């Protein structure tokens, strides 16, 4: 089964077309990312102490940055409301969760696994120069990587166990190889070289188990 092309960094483009749900976590925020994502989001939520960071970073403009929800968990949303927003959101973006304590970063990754059973929407976690996205198993994923915001590096990490993986569009592709800790992990990979002026090809990934895709974000390109 081939999925429609998904462009992970479209959410950070002011001209991007994705309709997003924004979840802000209790970690320091980047003002540029916040303003771009906030202006595009159809639904905005803060998790507990994230409201403190939002309040501080929007000093003098708090009335223009009022979240729709402030909550410590997601079990209060009704099926009806969840279905309503599912029809109007392309991507769920979590701002924060990849910095600070290592155990909390791993908790963010573990949440991505729970999300596979909670929603069919792509859920990306981004902070600073990194983005993380968990690929569903038994599907051929097509990732658009030509927004101009992509950094030089990307990786495929088998967090949950061995993953039989096939890729195209990378400098070092995998040909139905098994990714597994202690054997082979695709870190510090990059994209297939293209001639000057040509567009970068999408990356395709097929995996038989959930597989963590991460990629660099280039903050210097506008």
N, C-alpha and C. Protein backbone atom coordinates (compact mmCIF):
# COMPACT_ATOMS: atom_id res chain seq x y z
N UNK A 1 0.85 -1.20 0.00
CA UNK A 1 0.00 0.00 0.00
C UNK A 1 0.88 1.24 0.00
N UNK A 2 0.68 2.16 -0.93
CA UNK A 2 1.46 3.39 -1.03
C UNK A 2 0.64 4.54 -0.46
N UNK A 3 1.22 5.23 0.52
CA UNK A 3 0.54 6.36 1.14
C UNK A 3 0.76 7.62 0.31
N UNK A 4 -0.14 8.60 0.45
CA UNK A 4 0.08 9.90 -0.15
C UNK A 4 1.34 10.52 0.42
N UNK A 5 2.01 11.35 -0.36
CA UNK A 5 3.25 11.98 0.10
C UNK A 5 2.99 12.84 1.33
N UNK A 6 3.85 12.66 2.34
CA UNK A 6 3.79 13.45 3.57
C UNK A 6 5.08 14.25 3.68
N UNK A 7 4.97 15.56 3.86
CA UNK A 7 6.13 16.45 3.94
C UNK A 7 6.29 16.87 5.39
N UNK A 8 7.23 16.26 6.15
CA UNK A 8 7.32 16.52 7.58
C UNK A 8 7.49 17.98 7.96
N UNK A 9 8.27 18.75 7.18
CA UNK A 9 8.56 20.13 7.56
C UNK A 9 7.63 21.15 6.94
N UNK A 10 6.58 20.69 6.25
CA UNK A 10 5.59 21.63 5.71
C UNK A 10 4.99 22.47 6.82
N UNK A 11 4.88 21.89 8.02
CA UNK A 11 4.25 22.60 9.13
C UNK A 11 5.00 23.87 9.53
N UNK A 12 6.32 23.95 9.21
CA UNK A 12 7.10 25.13 9.58
C UNK A 12 7.19 26.16 8.46
N UNK A 13 6.64 25.84 7.30
CA UNK A 13 6.64 26.80 6.20
C UNK A 13 5.45 27.75 6.34
N UNK A 14 5.68 29.07 6.34
CA UNK A 14 4.55 30.00 6.39
C UNK A 14 3.56 29.78 5.24
N UNK A 15 4.07 29.28 4.12
CA UNK A 15 3.21 29.03 2.96
C UNK A 15 2.77 27.57 2.88
N UNK A 16 3.07 26.77 3.90
CA UNK A 16 2.69 25.36 3.88
C UNK A 16 1.19 25.18 3.87
N UNK A 17 0.76 24.00 3.43
CA UNK A 17 -0.68 23.77 3.24
C UNK A 17 -1.29 22.86 4.30
N UNK A 18 -0.48 22.28 5.18
CA UNK A 18 -1.03 21.37 6.17
C UNK A 18 -1.89 22.11 7.18
N UNK A 19 -3.01 21.50 7.54
CA UNK A 19 -3.84 21.98 8.66
C UNK A 19 -3.38 21.22 9.88
N UNK A 20 -2.99 21.92 10.94
CA UNK A 20 -2.34 21.24 12.05
C UNK A 20 -3.06 21.46 13.38
N UNK A 21 -2.83 20.52 14.27
CA UNK A 21 -3.18 20.62 15.69
C UNK A 21 -1.88 20.80 16.44
N UNK A 22 -1.76 21.85 17.25
CA UNK A 22 -0.52 22.18 17.95
C UNK A 22 -0.63 21.82 19.42
N UNK A 23 0.30 21.00 19.91
CA UNK A 23 0.40 20.63 21.32
C UNK A 23 1.73 21.15 21.84
N UNK A 24 1.69 21.99 22.85
CA UNK A 24 2.90 22.59 23.40
C UNK A 24 3.22 21.91 24.73
N UNK A 25 4.46 21.43 24.86
CA UNK A 25 4.89 20.73 26.07
C UNK A 25 5.65 21.66 27.00
N UNK A 26 5.89 21.17 28.20
CA UNK A 26 6.51 21.95 29.27
C UNK A 26 8.03 22.00 29.09
N UNK A 27 8.48 22.66 28.03
CA UNK A 27 9.89 22.87 27.74
C UNK A 27 10.05 24.22 27.07
N UNK A 28 11.29 24.77 27.06
CA UNK A 28 11.50 26.07 26.42
C UNK A 28 11.04 26.07 24.97
N UNK A 29 10.49 27.21 24.53
CA UNK A 29 9.92 27.33 23.19
C UNK A 29 10.80 28.21 22.31
N UNK A 30 10.77 27.93 21.00
CA UNK A 30 11.41 28.81 20.02
C UNK A 30 10.34 29.77 19.49
N UNK A 31 10.60 31.06 19.61
CA UNK A 31 9.57 32.05 19.26
C UNK A 31 9.16 31.97 17.79
N UNK A 32 10.15 31.81 16.88
CA UNK A 32 9.81 31.76 15.46
C UNK A 32 8.91 30.57 15.15
N UNK A 33 9.27 29.39 15.70
CA UNK A 33 8.45 28.20 15.46
C UNK A 33 7.05 28.37 16.05
N UNK A 34 6.99 28.93 17.26
CA UNK A 34 5.70 29.13 17.90
C UNK A 34 4.79 30.01 17.06
N UNK A 35 5.30 31.13 16.58
CA UNK A 35 4.47 32.07 15.81
C UNK A 35 3.99 31.44 14.51
N UNK A 36 4.90 30.70 13.82
CA UNK A 36 4.49 30.06 12.56
C UNK A 36 3.44 29.00 12.80
N UNK A 37 3.67 28.13 13.78
CA UNK A 37 2.74 27.03 14.04
C UNK A 37 1.41 27.56 14.60
N UNK A 38 1.49 28.54 15.49
CA UNK A 38 0.26 29.09 16.10
C UNK A 38 -0.65 29.68 15.04
N UNK A 39 -0.05 30.41 14.08
CA UNK A 39 -0.87 31.06 13.06
C UNK A 39 -1.55 30.06 12.14
N UNK A 40 -1.01 28.83 12.05
CA UNK A 40 -1.57 27.82 11.14
C UNK A 40 -2.48 26.83 11.85
N UNK A 41 -2.36 26.73 13.18
CA UNK A 41 -3.05 25.67 13.92
C UNK A 41 -4.56 25.90 13.99
N UNK A 42 -5.30 24.82 13.83
CA UNK A 42 -6.75 24.85 14.02
C UNK A 42 -7.12 24.57 15.46
N UNK A 43 -6.24 23.87 16.17
CA UNK A 43 -6.45 23.54 17.58
C UNK A 43 -5.13 23.69 18.30
N UNK A 44 -5.16 24.39 19.46
CA UNK A 44 -3.93 24.68 20.21
C UNK A 44 -4.12 24.23 21.65
N UNK A 45 -3.17 23.41 22.14
CA UNK A 45 -3.29 22.88 23.50
C UNK A 45 -1.96 22.99 24.22
N UNK A 46 -2.03 23.22 25.54
CA UNK A 46 -0.84 23.24 26.40
C UNK A 46 -0.94 22.11 27.41
N UNK A 47 0.18 21.43 27.63
CA UNK A 47 0.23 20.38 28.63
C UNK A 47 0.81 20.95 29.93
N UNK A 48 -0.07 21.12 30.90
CA UNK A 48 0.34 21.57 32.24
C UNK A 48 1.23 22.81 32.21
N UNK A 49 2.48 22.65 32.66
CA UNK A 49 3.39 23.79 32.79
C UNK A 49 3.77 24.45 31.48
N UNK A 50 3.40 23.88 30.36
CA UNK A 50 3.66 24.53 29.08
C UNK A 50 2.97 25.88 29.01
N UNK A 51 1.87 26.04 29.74
CA UNK A 51 1.18 27.33 29.76
C UNK A 51 2.08 28.42 30.33
N UNK A 52 2.96 28.06 31.28
CA UNK A 52 3.90 29.04 31.82
C UNK A 52 4.84 29.55 30.73
N UNK A 53 5.41 28.62 29.94
CA UNK A 53 6.32 29.01 28.86
C UNK A 53 5.60 29.86 27.82
N UNK A 54 4.38 29.49 27.50
CA UNK A 54 3.60 30.25 26.52
C UNK A 54 3.36 31.67 27.03
N UNK A 55 2.99 31.79 28.28
CA UNK A 55 2.71 33.10 28.89
C UNK A 55 3.96 33.99 28.85
N UNK A 56 5.12 33.40 29.22
CA UNK A 56 6.35 34.19 29.27
C UNK A 56 6.82 34.64 27.89
N UNK A 57 6.77 33.75 26.92
CA UNK A 57 7.32 34.06 25.60
C UNK A 57 6.42 35.01 24.81
N UNK A 58 5.16 35.14 25.25
CA UNK A 58 4.23 36.05 24.57
C UNK A 58 3.93 37.28 25.42
N UNK A 59 4.86 37.65 26.27
CA UNK A 59 4.67 38.80 27.17
C UNK A 59 4.19 40.02 26.41
N UNK A 60 3.12 40.62 26.90
CA UNK A 60 2.53 41.77 26.27
C UNK A 60 1.52 41.44 25.18
N UNK A 61 1.48 40.15 24.78
CA UNK A 61 0.55 39.72 23.73
C UNK A 61 -0.25 38.49 24.16
N UNK A 62 -0.33 38.23 25.45
CA UNK A 62 -0.97 37.01 25.93
C UNK A 62 -2.40 36.83 25.42
N UNK A 63 -3.13 37.94 25.27
CA UNK A 63 -4.52 37.82 24.82
C UNK A 63 -4.64 37.32 23.39
N UNK A 64 -3.54 37.44 22.64
CA UNK A 64 -3.54 36.95 21.26
C UNK A 64 -3.06 35.51 21.16
N UNK A 65 -2.65 34.93 22.29
CA UNK A 65 -2.14 33.55 22.31
C UNK A 65 -2.84 32.76 23.41
N UNK A 66 -4.14 32.63 23.27
CA UNK A 66 -4.94 31.88 24.25
C UNK A 66 -5.14 30.46 23.74
N UNK A 67 -4.63 29.44 24.43
CA UNK A 67 -4.80 28.06 23.96
C UNK A 67 -6.24 27.61 24.11
N UNK A 68 -6.61 26.66 23.27
CA UNK A 68 -7.95 26.09 23.35
C UNK A 68 -8.09 25.18 24.56
N UNK A 69 -6.99 24.49 24.92
CA UNK A 69 -7.01 23.57 26.05
C UNK A 69 -5.72 23.70 26.86
N UNK A 70 -5.86 23.56 28.16
CA UNK A 70 -4.72 23.35 29.05
C UNK A 70 -5.04 22.09 29.84
N UNK A 71 -4.23 21.06 29.64
CA UNK A 71 -4.57 19.76 30.21
C UNK A 71 -3.32 18.96 30.50
N UNK A 72 -3.45 18.02 31.44
CA UNK A 72 -2.32 17.15 31.77
C UNK A 72 -2.37 15.82 31.04
N UNK A 73 -3.50 15.50 30.40
CA UNK A 73 -3.60 14.26 29.62
C UNK A 73 -4.66 14.45 28.54
N UNK A 74 -4.92 13.38 27.75
CA UNK A 74 -5.82 13.49 26.61
C UNK A 74 -7.05 12.60 26.76
N UNK A 75 -7.33 12.08 27.95
CA UNK A 75 -8.45 11.15 28.09
C UNK A 75 -9.79 11.84 28.30
N UNK A 76 -9.80 13.18 28.32
CA UNK A 76 -11.06 13.89 28.52
C UNK A 76 -11.78 14.22 27.21
N UNK A 77 -11.08 14.06 26.09
CA UNK A 77 -11.71 14.39 24.81
C UNK A 77 -12.73 13.32 24.44
N UNK A 78 -13.92 13.75 24.00
CA UNK A 78 -14.96 12.80 23.63
C UNK A 78 -14.72 12.27 22.22
N UNK A 79 -15.34 11.13 21.94
CA UNK A 79 -15.20 10.54 20.61
C UNK A 79 -15.75 11.48 19.53
N UNK A 80 -16.83 12.18 19.87
CA UNK A 80 -17.44 13.09 18.91
C UNK A 80 -16.51 14.24 18.56
N UNK A 81 -15.91 14.84 19.59
CA UNK A 81 -15.00 15.97 19.37
C UNK A 81 -13.75 15.50 18.65
N UNK A 82 -13.22 14.34 19.04
CA UNK A 82 -12.04 13.79 18.39
C UNK A 82 -12.30 13.57 16.90
N UNK A 83 -13.48 13.02 16.60
CA UNK A 83 -13.82 12.78 15.20
C UNK A 83 -13.96 14.09 14.44
N UNK A 84 -14.54 15.10 15.12
CA UNK A 84 -14.73 16.41 14.49
C UNK A 84 -13.39 16.99 14.04
N UNK A 85 -12.40 16.98 14.96
CA UNK A 85 -11.11 17.57 14.62
C UNK A 85 -10.31 16.68 13.68
N UNK A 86 -10.51 15.39 13.75
CA UNK A 86 -9.78 14.50 12.85
C UNK A 86 -10.09 14.83 11.40
N UNK A 87 -11.33 15.24 11.13
CA UNK A 87 -11.71 15.57 9.76
C UNK A 87 -11.12 16.88 9.28
N UNK A 88 -10.58 17.70 10.19
CA UNK A 88 -10.12 19.03 9.82
C UNK A 88 -8.63 19.24 10.04
N UNK A 89 -7.91 18.22 10.48
CA UNK A 89 -6.48 18.34 10.79
C UNK A 89 -5.70 17.35 9.96
N UNK A 90 -4.61 17.82 9.34
CA UNK A 90 -3.73 16.94 8.57
C UNK A 90 -2.65 16.32 9.43
N UNK A 91 -2.14 17.09 10.38
CA UNK A 91 -0.97 16.67 11.13
C UNK A 91 -1.07 17.17 12.56
N UNK A 92 -0.64 16.36 13.52
CA UNK A 92 -0.51 16.79 14.91
C UNK A 92 0.96 17.10 15.15
N UNK A 93 1.24 18.32 15.58
CA UNK A 93 2.62 18.76 15.80
C UNK A 93 2.83 19.00 17.29
N UNK A 94 3.83 18.34 17.85
CA UNK A 94 4.20 18.57 19.24
C UNK A 94 5.46 19.42 19.26
N UNK A 95 5.38 20.61 19.83
CA UNK A 95 6.51 21.52 19.92
C UNK A 95 7.17 21.35 21.28
N UNK A 96 8.37 20.83 21.30
CA UNK A 96 9.06 20.49 22.53
C UNK A 96 9.02 18.99 22.76
N UNK A 97 9.94 18.48 23.56
CA UNK A 97 9.96 17.05 23.86
C UNK A 97 11.21 16.33 23.42
N UNK A 98 12.14 17.06 22.78
CA UNK A 98 13.37 16.43 22.31
C UNK A 98 14.62 17.05 22.93
N UNK A 99 14.44 17.77 24.01
CA UNK A 99 15.58 18.42 24.66
C UNK A 99 15.51 18.18 26.16
N UNK A 100 16.57 18.58 26.87
CA UNK A 100 16.56 18.44 28.32
C UNK A 100 16.89 17.02 28.74
N UNK A 101 16.16 16.49 29.71
CA UNK A 101 16.44 15.17 30.28
C UNK A 101 16.25 14.06 29.25
N UNK A 102 17.21 13.13 29.22
CA UNK A 102 17.16 12.04 28.25
C UNK A 102 15.95 11.15 28.47
N UNK A 103 15.58 10.89 29.73
CA UNK A 103 14.44 10.00 29.98
C UNK A 103 13.14 10.63 29.49
N UNK A 104 13.04 11.96 29.56
CA UNK A 104 11.84 12.62 29.06
C UNK A 104 11.80 12.61 27.53
N UNK A 105 12.98 12.68 26.89
CA UNK A 105 13.02 12.53 25.44
C UNK A 105 12.54 11.15 25.03
N UNK A 106 12.99 10.12 25.76
CA UNK A 106 12.55 8.76 25.46
C UNK A 106 11.05 8.60 25.73
N UNK A 107 10.54 9.32 26.72
CA UNK A 107 9.10 9.29 26.98
C UNK A 107 8.33 9.89 25.81
N UNK A 108 8.89 10.92 25.17
CA UNK A 108 8.25 11.49 23.99
C UNK A 108 8.19 10.47 22.86
N UNK A 109 9.28 9.72 22.69
CA UNK A 109 9.31 8.68 21.65
C UNK A 109 8.28 7.60 21.98
N UNK A 110 8.20 7.22 23.25
CA UNK A 110 7.23 6.18 23.64
C UNK A 110 5.80 6.64 23.40
N UNK A 111 5.54 7.94 23.57
CA UNK A 111 4.21 8.48 23.29
C UNK A 111 3.85 8.31 21.82
N UNK A 112 4.84 8.41 20.94
CA UNK A 112 4.58 8.20 19.51
C UNK A 112 4.03 6.80 19.25
N UNK A 113 4.51 5.83 20.02
CA UNK A 113 4.00 4.46 19.87
C UNK A 113 2.53 4.38 20.29
N UNK A 114 2.19 5.02 21.40
CA UNK A 114 0.78 5.05 21.83
C UNK A 114 -0.09 5.71 20.78
N UNK A 115 0.45 6.77 20.16
CA UNK A 115 -0.34 7.54 19.20
C UNK A 115 -0.74 6.71 17.98
N UNK A 116 0.04 5.68 17.64
CA UNK A 116 -0.31 4.84 16.50
C UNK A 116 -1.68 4.20 16.67
N UNK A 117 -2.05 3.94 17.93
CA UNK A 117 -3.34 3.32 18.21
C UNK A 117 -4.43 4.34 18.53
N UNK A 118 -4.06 5.61 18.62
CA UNK A 118 -5.01 6.64 19.01
C UNK A 118 -5.51 7.46 17.83
N UNK A 119 -4.71 7.57 16.78
CA UNK A 119 -5.09 8.41 15.65
C UNK A 119 -4.38 7.91 14.39
N UNK A 120 -5.04 8.13 13.25
CA UNK A 120 -4.43 7.82 11.96
C UNK A 120 -3.61 9.01 11.45
N UNK A 121 -3.71 10.15 12.11
CA UNK A 121 -2.98 11.34 11.68
C UNK A 121 -1.48 11.19 11.95
N UNK A 122 -0.64 11.75 11.08
CA UNK A 122 0.79 11.81 11.41
C UNK A 122 1.00 12.67 12.65
N UNK A 123 1.87 12.21 13.53
CA UNK A 123 2.24 12.97 14.73
C UNK A 123 3.74 13.21 14.68
N UNK A 124 4.15 14.48 14.60
CA UNK A 124 5.57 14.80 14.59
C UNK A 124 5.92 15.56 15.86
N UNK A 125 7.13 15.29 16.34
CA UNK A 125 7.67 16.00 17.50
C UNK A 125 8.85 16.82 17.00
N UNK A 126 8.86 18.12 17.28
CA UNK A 126 9.99 18.91 16.82
C UNK A 126 10.44 19.87 17.90
N UNK A 127 11.76 20.08 17.92
CA UNK A 127 12.35 21.03 18.84
C UNK A 127 13.75 21.36 18.33
N UNK A 128 14.10 22.64 18.35
CA UNK A 128 15.42 23.05 17.92
C UNK A 128 15.69 22.63 16.49
N UNK A 129 16.74 21.83 16.29
CA UNK A 129 17.15 21.43 14.94
C UNK A 129 16.75 20.01 14.62
N UNK A 130 15.77 19.43 15.36
CA UNK A 130 15.41 18.03 15.16
C UNK A 130 13.91 17.83 15.03
N UNK A 131 13.54 16.83 14.22
CA UNK A 131 12.15 16.38 14.08
C UNK A 131 12.13 14.87 14.20
N UNK A 132 11.12 14.33 14.89
CA UNK A 132 10.95 12.88 15.02
C UNK A 132 9.54 12.50 14.59
N UNK A 133 9.44 11.37 13.88
CA UNK A 133 8.16 10.91 13.33
C UNK A 133 8.20 9.39 13.26
N UNK A 134 7.22 8.73 13.86
CA UNK A 134 7.21 7.27 13.90
C UNK A 134 6.45 6.74 12.68
N UNK A 135 7.14 5.94 11.86
CA UNK A 135 6.54 5.37 10.65
C UNK A 135 5.74 4.13 11.00
N UNK A 136 4.54 4.05 10.47
CA UNK A 136 3.69 2.88 10.70
C UNK A 136 4.23 1.67 9.95
N UNK A 137 4.02 0.48 10.50
CA UNK A 137 4.51 -0.72 9.83
C UNK A 137 3.65 -1.12 8.64
N UNK A 138 4.27 -1.93 7.76
CA UNK A 138 3.57 -2.55 6.62
C UNK A 138 2.95 -1.53 5.68
N UNK A 139 3.58 -0.38 5.54
CA UNK A 139 3.16 0.63 4.58
C UNK A 139 4.39 1.22 3.92
N UNK A 140 4.23 1.66 2.68
CA UNK A 140 5.31 2.33 1.98
C UNK A 140 5.13 3.83 2.18
N UNK A 141 5.99 4.40 2.99
CA UNK A 141 5.90 5.82 3.31
C UNK A 141 6.66 6.63 2.26
N UNK A 142 6.07 7.75 1.89
CA UNK A 142 6.69 8.67 0.92
C UNK A 142 6.84 10.02 1.61
N UNK A 143 8.07 10.42 1.89
CA UNK A 143 8.36 11.62 2.66
C UNK A 143 8.92 12.70 1.74
N UNK A 144 8.20 13.80 1.61
CA UNK A 144 8.70 14.93 0.84
C UNK A 144 9.77 15.66 1.62
N UNK A 145 10.91 15.87 1.03
CA UNK A 145 12.05 16.48 1.74
C UNK A 145 12.66 17.61 0.90
N UNK A 146 11.79 18.41 0.29
CA UNK A 146 12.26 19.47 -0.59
C UNK A 146 11.67 20.83 -0.22
N UNK A 147 11.44 21.07 1.08
CA UNK A 147 10.89 22.35 1.51
C UNK A 147 11.93 23.46 1.59
N UNK A 148 13.20 23.08 1.67
CA UNK A 148 14.26 24.05 1.90
C UNK A 148 14.61 24.20 3.37
N UNK A 149 13.82 23.57 4.25
CA UNK A 149 14.09 23.63 5.69
C UNK A 149 14.85 22.41 6.19
N UNK A 150 15.05 21.42 5.31
CA UNK A 150 15.73 20.21 5.74
C UNK A 150 17.21 20.46 6.02
N UNK A 151 17.70 19.90 7.13
CA UNK A 151 19.13 19.93 7.41
C UNK A 151 19.83 18.85 6.60
N UNK A 152 21.09 18.61 6.92
CA UNK A 152 21.87 17.65 6.15
C UNK A 152 21.64 16.21 6.58
N UNK A 153 21.22 15.99 7.83
CA UNK A 153 21.17 14.62 8.33
C UNK A 153 19.74 14.09 8.45
N UNK A 154 19.64 12.78 8.41
CA UNK A 154 18.38 12.08 8.69
C UNK A 154 18.74 10.70 9.22
N UNK A 155 17.78 10.02 9.81
CA UNK A 155 18.09 8.71 10.38
C UNK A 155 16.83 7.85 10.48
N UNK A 156 17.06 6.56 10.58
CA UNK A 156 16.01 5.56 10.80
C UNK A 156 16.46 4.70 11.97
N UNK A 157 15.71 4.77 13.07
CA UNK A 157 16.15 4.12 14.31
C UNK A 157 15.10 3.12 14.77
N UNK A 158 15.47 1.85 14.95
CA UNK A 158 14.53 0.79 15.35
C UNK A 158 14.34 0.75 16.86
N UNK A 159 13.61 1.72 17.40
CA UNK A 159 13.46 1.85 18.84
C UNK A 159 12.79 0.63 19.47
N UNK A 160 11.75 0.09 18.84
CA UNK A 160 10.95 -0.95 19.47
C UNK A 160 11.40 -2.37 19.23
N UNK A 161 12.33 -2.59 18.31
CA UNK A 161 12.78 -3.93 17.98
C UNK A 161 13.25 -3.99 16.55
N UNK A 162 13.64 -5.18 16.07
CA UNK A 162 14.16 -5.30 14.70
C UNK A 162 13.13 -4.85 13.67
N UNK A 163 13.60 -4.16 12.63
CA UNK A 163 12.74 -3.66 11.56
C UNK A 163 13.37 -4.01 10.21
N UNK A 164 12.66 -4.80 9.42
CA UNK A 164 13.10 -5.06 8.05
C UNK A 164 12.73 -3.85 7.20
N UNK A 165 13.73 -3.23 6.58
CA UNK A 165 13.54 -1.89 6.02
C UNK A 165 14.07 -1.79 4.60
N UNK A 166 13.31 -1.11 3.76
CA UNK A 166 13.75 -0.81 2.39
C UNK A 166 13.53 0.68 2.15
N UNK A 167 14.51 1.35 1.55
CA UNK A 167 14.41 2.79 1.32
C UNK A 167 14.85 3.17 -0.09
N UNK A 168 14.39 4.33 -0.53
CA UNK A 168 14.94 5.01 -1.70
C UNK A 168 15.06 6.48 -1.35
N UNK A 169 15.90 7.19 -2.09
CA UNK A 169 16.04 8.63 -1.88
C UNK A 169 17.07 9.04 -0.86
N UNK A 170 17.77 8.07 -0.26
CA UNK A 170 18.82 8.36 0.70
C UNK A 170 20.19 8.13 0.07
N UNK A 171 21.21 8.75 0.63
CA UNK A 171 22.57 8.52 0.14
C UNK A 171 22.97 7.08 0.41
N UNK A 172 22.60 6.57 1.59
CA UNK A 172 22.89 5.17 1.94
C UNK A 172 21.55 4.46 2.16
N UNK A 173 21.05 3.86 1.10
CA UNK A 173 19.75 3.20 1.16
C UNK A 173 19.86 1.82 1.78
N UNK A 174 18.71 1.33 2.23
CA UNK A 174 18.60 0.00 2.82
C UNK A 174 17.80 -0.88 1.87
N UNK A 175 18.33 -2.06 1.59
CA UNK A 175 17.69 -2.99 0.66
C UNK A 175 17.17 -4.20 1.43
N UNK A 176 16.00 -4.00 2.06
CA UNK A 176 15.38 -5.05 2.88
C UNK A 176 16.33 -5.57 3.96
N UNK A 177 17.12 -4.66 4.52
CA UNK A 177 18.01 -5.01 5.62
C UNK A 177 17.28 -4.87 6.95
N UNK A 178 17.75 -5.58 7.94
CA UNK A 178 17.15 -5.52 9.27
C UNK A 178 17.91 -4.51 10.13
N UNK A 179 17.19 -3.50 10.58
CA UNK A 179 17.74 -2.54 11.53
C UNK A 179 17.49 -3.05 12.93
N UNK A 180 18.51 -3.03 13.77
CA UNK A 180 18.38 -3.56 15.12
C UNK A 180 19.55 -3.06 15.96
N UNK A 181 19.27 -2.66 17.20
CA UNK A 181 20.35 -2.24 18.09
C UNK A 181 21.32 -3.40 18.30
N UNK A 182 22.60 -3.09 18.22
CA UNK A 182 23.63 -4.11 18.34
C UNK A 182 24.03 -4.69 17.00
N UNK A 183 23.29 -4.34 15.93
CA UNK A 183 23.61 -4.84 14.59
C UNK A 183 23.77 -3.69 13.60
N UNK A 184 22.65 -3.06 13.25
CA UNK A 184 22.70 -1.98 12.26
C UNK A 184 21.65 -0.94 12.60
N UNK A 185 22.08 0.33 12.69
CA UNK A 185 21.18 1.46 12.89
C UNK A 185 21.58 2.54 11.89
N UNK A 186 20.61 3.13 11.20
CA UNK A 186 20.90 4.12 10.17
C UNK A 186 20.87 5.52 10.76
N UNK A 187 21.96 5.92 11.39
CA UNK A 187 22.09 7.29 11.88
C UNK A 187 23.07 8.05 10.98
N UNK A 188 23.03 9.37 11.06
CA UNK A 188 23.91 10.23 10.25
C UNK A 188 23.82 9.90 8.77
N UNK A 189 22.63 9.52 8.33
CA UNK A 189 22.40 9.34 6.90
C UNK A 189 22.10 10.72 6.30
N UNK A 190 21.94 10.78 5.00
CA UNK A 190 21.58 12.03 4.35
C UNK A 190 20.82 11.69 3.07
N UNK A 191 20.53 12.68 2.27
CA UNK A 191 19.65 12.49 1.12
C UNK A 191 20.44 12.22 -0.16
N UNK A 192 19.77 11.58 -1.09
CA UNK A 192 20.40 11.27 -2.36
C UNK A 192 20.87 12.56 -3.04
N UNK A 193 22.14 12.62 -3.47
CA UNK A 193 22.64 13.85 -4.10
C UNK A 193 21.88 14.15 -5.38
N UNK A 194 21.68 15.44 -5.63
CA UNK A 194 21.03 15.87 -6.88
C UNK A 194 21.88 16.96 -7.53
N UNK A 195 21.75 17.09 -8.83
CA UNK A 195 22.48 18.13 -9.54
C UNK A 195 21.99 19.51 -9.12
N UNK A 196 22.86 20.49 -9.21
CA UNK A 196 22.49 21.86 -8.82
C UNK A 196 21.28 22.32 -9.63
N UNK A 197 20.29 22.84 -8.93
CA UNK A 197 19.08 23.31 -9.57
C UNK A 197 17.97 22.28 -9.65
N UNK A 198 18.31 21.01 -9.43
CA UNK A 198 17.30 19.95 -9.46
C UNK A 198 16.60 19.83 -8.11
N UNK A 199 15.39 19.33 -8.13
CA UNK A 199 14.67 19.10 -6.88
C UNK A 199 15.05 17.76 -6.28
N UNK A 200 15.13 17.74 -4.97
CA UNK A 200 15.43 16.49 -4.27
C UNK A 200 14.25 15.54 -4.37
N UNK A 201 14.54 14.27 -4.61
CA UNK A 201 13.48 13.27 -4.71
C UNK A 201 12.91 12.96 -3.32
N UNK A 202 11.64 12.56 -3.24
CA UNK A 202 11.09 12.11 -1.96
C UNK A 202 11.86 10.89 -1.44
N UNK A 203 11.85 10.73 -0.14
CA UNK A 203 12.38 9.52 0.48
C UNK A 203 11.23 8.54 0.66
N UNK A 204 11.42 7.29 0.25
CA UNK A 204 10.42 6.26 0.51
C UNK A 204 10.99 5.26 1.51
N UNK A 205 10.13 4.81 2.41
CA UNK A 205 10.54 3.86 3.44
C UNK A 205 9.45 2.81 3.60
N UNK A 206 9.84 1.55 3.55
CA UNK A 206 8.94 0.44 3.86
C UNK A 206 9.52 -0.30 5.06
N UNK A 207 8.69 -0.57 6.05
CA UNK A 207 9.16 -1.24 7.26
C UNK A 207 8.09 -2.20 7.76
N UNK A 208 8.51 -3.31 8.36
CA UNK A 208 7.54 -4.27 8.87
C UNK A 208 7.20 -4.04 10.34
N UNK A 209 7.88 -3.08 10.98
CA UNK A 209 7.61 -2.71 12.36
C UNK A 209 7.68 -1.19 12.50
N UNK A 210 7.09 -0.60 13.56
CA UNK A 210 7.22 0.84 13.74
C UNK A 210 8.69 1.25 13.75
N UNK A 211 9.00 2.31 12.99
CA UNK A 211 10.40 2.72 12.79
C UNK A 211 10.48 4.23 12.94
N UNK A 212 11.41 4.70 13.76
CA UNK A 212 11.52 6.13 14.04
C UNK A 212 12.33 6.84 12.97
N UNK A 213 11.68 7.75 12.27
CA UNK A 213 12.35 8.64 11.32
C UNK A 213 12.68 9.94 12.03
N UNK A 214 13.92 10.38 11.95
CA UNK A 214 14.28 11.70 12.48
C UNK A 214 15.09 12.43 11.43
N UNK A 215 15.05 13.75 11.51
CA UNK A 215 15.70 14.56 10.48
C UNK A 215 16.10 15.91 11.05
N UNK A 216 17.13 16.50 10.46
CA UNK A 216 17.57 17.81 10.88
C UNK A 216 16.72 18.92 10.28
N UNK A 217 16.62 20.02 11.02
CA UNK A 217 15.94 21.22 10.55
C UNK A 217 16.99 22.32 10.42
N UNK A 218 17.04 22.94 9.26
CA UNK A 218 18.00 24.03 9.02
C UNK A 218 17.32 25.35 9.35
N UNK A 219 17.72 25.96 10.44
CA UNK A 219 17.07 27.20 10.90
C UNK A 219 17.54 28.43 10.15
N UNK A 220 18.62 28.32 9.38
CA UNK A 220 19.18 29.49 8.70
C UNK A 220 18.50 29.78 7.38
N UNK A 221 17.71 28.82 6.87
CA UNK A 221 17.06 29.01 5.57
C UNK A 221 15.65 29.55 5.78
N UNK A 222 15.29 30.53 5.03
CA UNK A 222 13.95 31.14 5.14
C UNK A 222 13.27 31.07 3.78
